[in-house]
Amino acid sequence: MRQLDRVRLMLRTGVPPCDAAVVAGFADQSHMTRMFKRAYGFTPAGWSAALRASPWDGSRPLQAAGDGQHGAGDVRGAFRHEP
């Protein structure tokens, strides 16, 4: 298992970033944070916060935004509520 995959798994289960960095084999938390942000575009804390805020529980595939009636390229309703 790659180091960053291990870190994501631990963060998902509530392990603090400093502990996840050490267990995954990084020299320190700042090194892990730099690598995490380079790979995923988020800091570990930002990624964890996004997971907590997400209603997705992992039990079903993610769906594209929109109502599903206008094709894949249609984004009506993706950014605001439209009647």
N, C-alpha and C. Protein backbone atom coordinates (compact mmCIF):
# COMPACT_ATOMS: atom_id res chain seq x y z
N MET A 1 0.85 -1.19 0.00
CA MET A 1 0.00 0.00 0.00
C MET A 1 0.89 1.24 0.00
N ARG A 2 0.55 2.18 -0.88
CA ARG A 2 1.33 3.42 -0.94
C ARG A 2 1.17 4.22 0.34
N GLN A 3 2.17 5.04 0.62
CA GLN A 3 2.15 5.85 1.84
C GLN A 3 0.92 6.75 1.92
N LEU A 4 0.62 7.44 0.84
CA LEU A 4 -0.51 8.38 0.88
C LEU A 4 -1.85 7.66 0.97
N ASP A 5 -1.95 6.48 0.38
CA ASP A 5 -3.18 5.69 0.54
C ASP A 5 -3.36 5.31 2.00
N ARG A 6 -2.28 4.93 2.62
CA ARG A 6 -2.33 4.57 4.05
C ARG A 6 -2.74 5.78 4.89
N VAL A 7 -2.19 6.95 4.56
CA VAL A 7 -2.54 8.18 5.29
C VAL A 7 -4.03 8.47 5.13
N ARG A 8 -4.55 8.40 3.89
CA ARG A 8 -5.98 8.67 3.68
C ARG A 8 -6.85 7.71 4.47
N LEU A 9 -6.48 6.44 4.49
CA LEU A 9 -7.25 5.46 5.26
C LEU A 9 -7.26 5.81 6.74
N MET A 10 -6.10 6.18 7.26
CA MET A 10 -6.03 6.53 8.69
C MET A 10 -6.81 7.81 8.99
N LEU A 11 -6.69 8.81 8.12
CA LEU A 11 -7.43 10.06 8.35
C LEU A 11 -8.93 9.81 8.33
N ARG A 12 -9.38 8.93 7.43
CA ARG A 12 -10.80 8.60 7.33
C ARG A 12 -11.32 7.98 8.64
N THR A 13 -10.45 7.27 9.34
CA THR A 13 -10.87 6.62 10.58
C THR A 13 -10.59 7.45 11.82
N GLY A 14 -10.15 8.72 11.63
CA GLY A 14 -9.99 9.63 12.76
C GLY A 14 -8.60 9.70 13.37
N VAL A 15 -7.61 9.09 12.75
CA VAL A 15 -6.24 9.16 13.27
C VAL A 15 -5.72 10.57 13.02
N PRO A 16 -5.10 11.21 14.01
CA PRO A 16 -4.54 12.56 13.81
C PRO A 16 -3.46 12.55 12.73
N PRO A 17 -3.34 13.64 11.96
CA PRO A 17 -2.35 13.69 10.88
C PRO A 17 -0.92 13.41 11.32
N CYS A 18 -0.53 13.89 12.49
CA CYS A 18 0.85 13.66 12.95
C CYS A 18 1.11 12.17 13.16
N ASP A 19 0.15 11.46 13.71
CA ASP A 19 0.30 10.01 13.90
C ASP A 19 0.26 9.27 12.58
N ALA A 20 -0.63 9.69 11.67
CA ALA A 20 -0.74 9.05 10.37
C ALA A 20 0.57 9.20 9.59
N ALA A 21 1.21 10.35 9.70
CA ALA A 21 2.48 10.59 8.99
C ALA A 21 3.55 9.62 9.46
N VAL A 22 3.67 9.45 10.76
CA VAL A 22 4.70 8.57 11.33
C VAL A 22 4.43 7.12 10.96
N VAL A 23 3.20 6.67 11.13
CA VAL A 23 2.85 5.27 10.84
C VAL A 23 3.05 4.96 9.36
N ALA A 24 2.75 5.91 8.48
CA ALA A 24 2.88 5.69 7.04
C ALA A 24 4.33 5.74 6.57
N GLY A 25 5.23 6.21 7.43
CA GLY A 25 6.65 6.19 7.08
C GLY A 25 7.22 7.51 6.60
N PHE A 26 6.50 8.60 6.80
CA PHE A 26 7.04 9.90 6.43
C PHE A 26 8.00 10.38 7.51
N ALA A 27 8.94 11.23 7.14
CA ALA A 27 9.91 11.75 8.10
C ALA A 27 9.22 12.59 9.17
N ASP A 28 8.22 13.36 8.77
CA ASP A 28 7.45 14.16 9.72
C ASP A 28 6.14 14.60 9.06
N GLN A 29 5.31 15.28 9.84
CA GLN A 29 3.99 15.67 9.35
C GLN A 29 4.09 16.69 8.21
N SER A 30 5.05 17.59 8.25
CA SER A 30 5.14 18.60 7.19
C SER A 30 5.51 17.95 5.86
N HIS A 31 6.36 16.93 5.89
CA HIS A 31 6.70 16.21 4.65
C HIS A 31 5.46 15.51 4.10
N MET A 32 4.71 14.86 4.96
CA MET A 32 3.49 14.19 4.52
C MET A 32 2.49 15.19 3.95
N THR A 33 2.35 16.36 4.58
CA THR A 33 1.42 17.37 4.12
C THR A 33 1.80 17.88 2.74
N ARG A 34 3.10 18.12 2.51
CA ARG A 34 3.54 18.57 1.18
C ARG A 34 3.24 17.53 0.11
N MET A 35 3.52 16.27 0.38
CA MET A 35 3.28 15.21 -0.59
C MET A 35 1.78 15.02 -0.83
N PHE A 36 0.98 15.10 0.23
CA PHE A 36 -0.47 14.94 0.14
C PHE A 36 -1.04 16.04 -0.74
N LYS A 37 -0.65 17.29 -0.49
CA LYS A 37 -1.18 18.41 -1.27
C LYS A 37 -0.74 18.31 -2.72
N ARG A 38 0.48 17.89 -2.97
CA ARG A 38 0.97 17.73 -4.34
C ARG A 38 0.16 16.67 -5.09
N ALA A 39 -0.18 15.58 -4.40
CA ALA A 39 -0.89 14.48 -5.04
C ALA A 39 -2.38 14.73 -5.20
N TYR A 40 -3.02 15.35 -4.20
CA TYR A 40 -4.48 15.44 -4.19
C TYR A 40 -5.03 16.86 -4.28
N GLY A 41 -4.17 17.87 -4.14
CA GLY A 41 -4.63 19.25 -4.24
C GLY A 41 -5.26 19.79 -2.97
N PHE A 42 -5.25 19.01 -1.91
CA PHE A 42 -5.78 19.42 -0.61
C PHE A 42 -4.73 19.11 0.44
N THR A 43 -4.73 19.87 1.52
CA THR A 43 -3.94 19.46 2.67
C THR A 43 -4.69 18.31 3.35
N PRO A 44 -4.03 17.52 4.18
CA PRO A 44 -4.75 16.46 4.88
C PRO A 44 -5.92 16.99 5.71
N ALA A 45 -5.73 18.13 6.35
CA ALA A 45 -6.83 18.71 7.14
C ALA A 45 -7.98 19.14 6.24
N GLY A 46 -7.68 19.75 5.10
CA GLY A 46 -8.72 20.15 4.16
C GLY A 46 -9.47 18.96 3.60
N TRP A 47 -8.74 17.90 3.29
CA TRP A 47 -9.35 16.67 2.77
C TRP A 47 -10.27 16.05 3.81
N SER A 48 -9.80 15.99 5.06
CA SER A 48 -10.62 15.43 6.14
C SER A 48 -11.88 16.25 6.36
N ALA A 49 -11.74 17.58 6.31
CA ALA A 49 -12.91 18.45 6.48
C ALA A 49 -13.91 18.25 5.34
N ALA A 50 -13.42 18.09 4.12
CA ALA A 50 -14.31 17.86 2.99
C ALA A 50 -15.05 16.53 3.14
N LEU A 51 -14.38 15.53 3.66
CA LEU A 51 -15.05 14.24 3.90
C LEU A 51 -16.15 14.37 4.94
N ARG A 52 -15.87 15.10 6.00
CA ARG A 52 -16.87 15.27 7.06
C ARG A 52 -18.08 16.04 6.55
N ALA A 53 -17.86 17.00 5.64
CA ALA A 53 -18.94 17.83 5.12
C ALA A 53 -19.74 17.13 4.02
N SER A 54 -19.19 16.07 3.45
CA SER A 54 -19.82 15.38 2.34
C SER A 54 -20.93 14.46 2.81
N PRO A 55 -22.09 14.48 2.13
CA PRO A 55 -23.17 13.56 2.48
C PRO A 55 -22.92 12.16 1.94
N TRP A 56 -21.91 12.01 1.07
CA TRP A 56 -21.64 10.71 0.47
C TRP A 56 -21.03 9.78 1.50
N ASP A 57 -21.60 8.59 1.65
CA ASP A 57 -21.12 7.64 2.65
C ASP A 57 -20.30 6.50 2.05
N GLY A 58 -20.06 6.53 0.75
CA GLY A 58 -19.24 5.50 0.12
C GLY A 58 -20.00 4.27 -0.30
N SER A 59 -21.30 4.20 -0.02
CA SER A 59 -22.06 2.99 -0.31
C SER A 59 -22.60 2.94 -1.73
N ARG A 60 -22.57 4.07 -2.44
CA ARG A 60 -23.07 4.09 -3.82
C ARG A 60 -22.17 4.99 -4.65
N PRO A 61 -22.13 4.80 -5.96
CA PRO A 61 -21.28 5.64 -6.80
C PRO A 61 -21.72 7.09 -6.79
N LEU A 62 -20.75 7.99 -6.95
CA LEU A 62 -21.06 9.40 -7.05
C LEU A 62 -21.77 9.67 -8.37
N GLN A 63 -22.69 10.61 -8.39
CA GLN A 63 -23.39 10.97 -9.61
C GLN A 63 -23.03 12.39 -9.99
N ALA A 64 -23.08 12.66 -11.28
CA ALA A 64 -22.79 14.01 -11.76
C ALA A 64 -23.86 14.97 -11.27
N ALA A 65 -23.47 16.25 -11.17
CA ALA A 65 -24.43 17.27 -10.76
C ALA A 65 -25.50 17.44 -11.83
N GLY A 66 -26.64 17.95 -11.44
CA GLY A 66 -27.75 18.14 -12.37
C GLY A 66 -28.86 17.16 -12.05
N ASP A 67 -29.90 17.21 -12.82
CA ASP A 67 -31.05 16.36 -12.52
C ASP A 67 -31.07 15.06 -13.31
N GLY A 68 -30.10 14.86 -14.20
CA GLY A 68 -30.02 13.61 -14.94
C GLY A 68 -30.91 13.53 -16.15
N GLN A 69 -31.66 14.59 -16.45
CA GLN A 69 -32.60 14.57 -17.57
C GLN A 69 -32.08 15.29 -18.80
N HIS A 70 -30.98 16.02 -18.68
CA HIS A 70 -30.55 16.87 -19.77
C HIS A 70 -29.21 16.45 -20.37
N GLY A 71 -28.74 15.29 -20.11
CA GLY A 71 -27.47 14.82 -20.67
C GLY A 71 -26.29 15.21 -19.80
N ALA A 72 -25.16 14.59 -20.08
CA ALA A 72 -23.98 14.76 -19.24
C ALA A 72 -23.41 16.17 -19.28
N GLY A 73 -23.59 16.90 -20.39
CA GLY A 73 -23.00 18.23 -20.50
C GLY A 73 -23.82 19.32 -19.84
N ASP A 74 -25.01 19.03 -19.39
CA ASP A 74 -25.88 20.05 -18.83
C ASP A 74 -25.58 20.24 -17.35
N VAL A 75 -25.40 21.47 -16.93
CA VAL A 75 -25.10 21.74 -15.54
C VAL A 75 -26.19 22.57 -14.86
N ARG A 76 -27.38 22.65 -15.49
CA ARG A 76 -28.46 23.39 -14.84
C ARG A 76 -28.74 22.81 -13.47
N GLY A 77 -28.79 23.68 -12.50
CA GLY A 77 -29.07 23.25 -11.15
C GLY A 77 -27.85 22.78 -10.38
N ALA A 78 -26.70 22.74 -11.03
CA ALA A 78 -25.51 22.25 -10.35
C ALA A 78 -24.97 23.26 -9.34
N PHE A 79 -25.20 24.55 -9.58
CA PHE A 79 -24.62 25.56 -8.72
C PHE A 79 -25.66 26.36 -7.95
N ARG A 80 -26.89 26.28 -8.36
CA ARG A 80 -27.95 26.99 -7.62
C ARG A 80 -29.26 26.24 -7.85
N HIS A 81 -30.21 26.53 -7.00
CA HIS A 81 -31.52 25.88 -7.13
C HIS A 81 -32.30 26.57 -8.23
N GLU A 82 -32.81 25.78 -9.17
CA GLU A 82 -33.67 26.29 -10.22
C GLU A 82 -34.99 25.53 -10.19
N PRO A 83 -36.12 26.22 -10.33
CA PRO A 83 -37.42 25.54 -10.31
C PRO A 83 -37.62 24.66 -11.53
